[in-house]
Amino acid sequence: MTAFKSLMLAGVALAISAGVAPRAYAQTGSTELPPDVTAFVSRRASCSEWSKKAIDPGWTAKIEAIYTNLQSLKCFDIMNDERALRQKYAGNPEIRASLGAGVITKFVTRLPVRIAVPPALDR
């Protein structure tokens, strides 16, 4: 079970840390952000810190505590929550800017394709 949690934590670390660092200081305007956006940005930063600890070899002994903290912060839902906030504030560019550029994920489905093999050439 520990190996599964380590793999899951590594995946969360990758998803959260993909572009989080520049977002920490994204609020540069003078306008006040809504409380849900402020709470989300703070939560995402905390998730980023805990996910970095999850892949740090010095913290492997405390993997259960890291996993518990990530669950309590709802870090596994961070991408869905960001998507919901982007939809909610679609018409407000200042709030969208405070959320950062966003993580773009593209899923590619590979389909089996049968290609005819050309006959061998005798030389």
Protein backbone atom coordinates (compact mmCIF):
# COMPACT_ATOMS: atom_id res chain seq x y z
CA MET A 1 0.00 0.00 0.00
CA THR A 2 2.88 2.37 0.72
CA ALA A 3 4.22 1.96 -2.82
CA PHE A 4 0.78 2.84 -4.20
CA LYS A 5 0.57 5.94 -2.02
CA SER A 6 4.07 6.98 -3.07
CA LEU A 7 3.11 6.63 -6.72
CA MET A 8 -0.12 8.57 -6.15
CA LEU A 9 1.73 11.30 -4.29
CA ALA A 10 4.28 11.60 -7.08
CA GLY A 11 1.44 12.05 -9.56
CA VAL A 12 -0.17 14.71 -7.40
CA ALA A 13 3.19 16.42 -7.02
CA LEU A 14 3.59 16.56 -10.77
CA ALA A 15 0.07 17.84 -11.37
CA ILE A 16 0.25 20.50 -8.67
CA SER A 17 3.76 21.73 -9.34
CA ALA A 18 3.19 22.19 -13.09
CA GLY A 19 3.35 25.95 -13.09
CA VAL A 20 2.46 26.71 -9.48
CA ALA A 21 5.57 28.72 -8.61
CA PRO A 22 4.81 31.72 -10.83
CA ARG A 23 1.27 31.86 -9.48
CA ALA A 24 2.29 32.56 -5.89
CA TYR A 25 2.75 36.27 -6.64
CA ALA A 26 0.16 36.57 -9.39
CA GLN A 27 -1.96 39.09 -7.51
CA THR A 28 -0.45 42.39 -8.57
CA GLY A 29 -3.57 44.50 -9.03
CA SER A 30 -5.14 46.69 -6.40
CA THR A 31 -8.45 44.86 -6.48
CA GLU A 32 -9.44 42.55 -3.67
CA LEU A 33 -9.82 38.91 -4.66
CA PRO A 34 -12.95 37.00 -3.67
CA PRO A 35 -12.51 34.78 -0.60
CA ASP A 36 -12.90 31.55 -2.58
CA VAL A 37 -10.06 32.53 -4.94
CA THR A 38 -7.81 33.63 -2.07
CA ALA A 39 -8.47 30.37 -0.22
CA PHE A 40 -7.80 28.35 -3.37
CA VAL A 41 -4.47 30.06 -4.14
CA SER A 42 -3.36 29.52 -0.55
CA ARG A 43 -4.47 25.88 -0.59
CA ARG A 44 -2.70 25.25 -3.90
CA ALA A 45 0.54 26.66 -2.48
CA SER A 46 0.24 24.41 0.59
CA CYS A 47 -0.45 21.41 -1.62
CA SER A 48 2.61 22.24 -3.66
CA GLU A 49 4.80 22.29 -0.55
CA TRP A 50 3.45 18.98 0.76
CA SER A 51 3.72 17.32 -2.65
CA LYS A 52 7.38 18.36 -2.86
CA LYS A 53 7.94 16.64 0.48
CA ALA A 54 6.27 13.52 -0.90
CA ILE A 55 9.00 13.08 -3.48
CA ASP A 56 11.86 14.18 -1.20
CA PRO A 57 13.91 11.13 -0.11
CA GLY A 58 14.37 12.64 3.35
CA TRP A 59 10.63 12.50 4.02
CA THR A 60 9.91 8.92 2.88
CA ALA A 61 9.64 7.73 6.49
CA LYS A 62 6.76 10.16 7.02
CA ILE A 63 4.81 9.25 3.88
CA GLU A 64 1.63 8.48 5.87
CA ALA A 65 1.66 11.94 7.46
CA ILE A 66 2.23 13.58 4.08
CA TYR A 67 -0.63 11.60 2.55
CA THR A 68 -2.92 12.59 5.43
CA ASN A 69 -2.05 16.28 4.99
CA LEU A 70 -2.64 16.10 1.24
CA GLN A 71 -6.04 14.50 1.86
CA SER A 72 -7.03 17.07 4.48
CA LEU A 73 -6.11 19.91 2.11
CA LYS A 74 -8.08 18.20 -0.68
CA CYS A 75 -5.04 18.35 -2.92
CA PHE A 76 -6.34 15.53 -5.07
CA ASP A 77 -9.19 17.84 -6.16
CA ILE A 78 -7.04 20.89 -6.92
CA MET A 79 -7.32 20.67 -10.71
CA ASN A 80 -11.12 20.31 -10.64
CA ASP A 81 -11.42 23.20 -8.20
CA GLU A 82 -9.26 25.41 -10.41
CA ARG A 83 -11.38 24.54 -13.43
CA ALA A 84 -14.55 25.45 -11.51
CA LEU A 85 -13.11 28.81 -10.45
CA ARG A 86 -12.02 29.56 -14.02
CA GLN A 87 -15.56 28.88 -15.21
CA LYS A 88 -17.12 30.89 -12.39
CA TYR A 89 -14.93 33.94 -13.08
CA ALA A 90 -14.68 33.55 -16.87
CA GLY A 91 -15.65 37.19 -17.41
CA ASN A 92 -13.14 38.65 -14.93
CA PRO A 93 -9.60 38.78 -16.38
CA GLU A 94 -8.04 40.04 -13.13
CA ILE A 95 -9.27 37.06 -11.15
CA ARG A 96 -8.30 34.65 -13.92
CA ALA A 97 -4.83 36.20 -13.94
CA SER A 98 -4.52 35.59 -10.20
CA LEU A 99 -5.18 31.90 -10.90
CA GLY A 100 -2.21 31.86 -13.28
CA ALA A 101 -1.86 30.56 -16.78
CA GLY A 102 -3.39 27.23 -15.94
CA VAL A 103 -2.26 23.73 -16.60
CA ILE A 104 -2.97 22.51 -20.07
CA THR A 105 -3.36 18.77 -20.28
CA LYS A 106 -3.80 16.99 -23.56
CA PHE A 107 -4.81 13.37 -23.59
CA VAL A 108 -3.88 11.33 -26.62
CA THR A 109 -5.64 8.09 -27.35
CA ARG A 110 -3.62 5.63 -29.34
CA LEU A 111 -5.55 3.37 -31.61
CA PRO A 112 -4.18 0.14 -33.05
CA VAL A 113 -3.47 0.63 -36.73
CA ARG A 114 -2.61 -2.17 -39.10
CA ILE A 115 -0.15 -1.24 -41.79
CA ALA A 116 0.69 -3.54 -44.64
CA VAL A 117 4.30 -4.58 -44.61
CA PRO A 118 5.97 -4.14 -48.00
CA PRO A 119 7.51 -7.24 -49.52
CA ALA A 120 11.24 -7.75 -49.05
CA LEU A 121 13.36 -6.50 -51.91
CA ASP A 122 15.80 -8.97 -53.39
CA ARG A 123 18.96 -7.27 -54.44
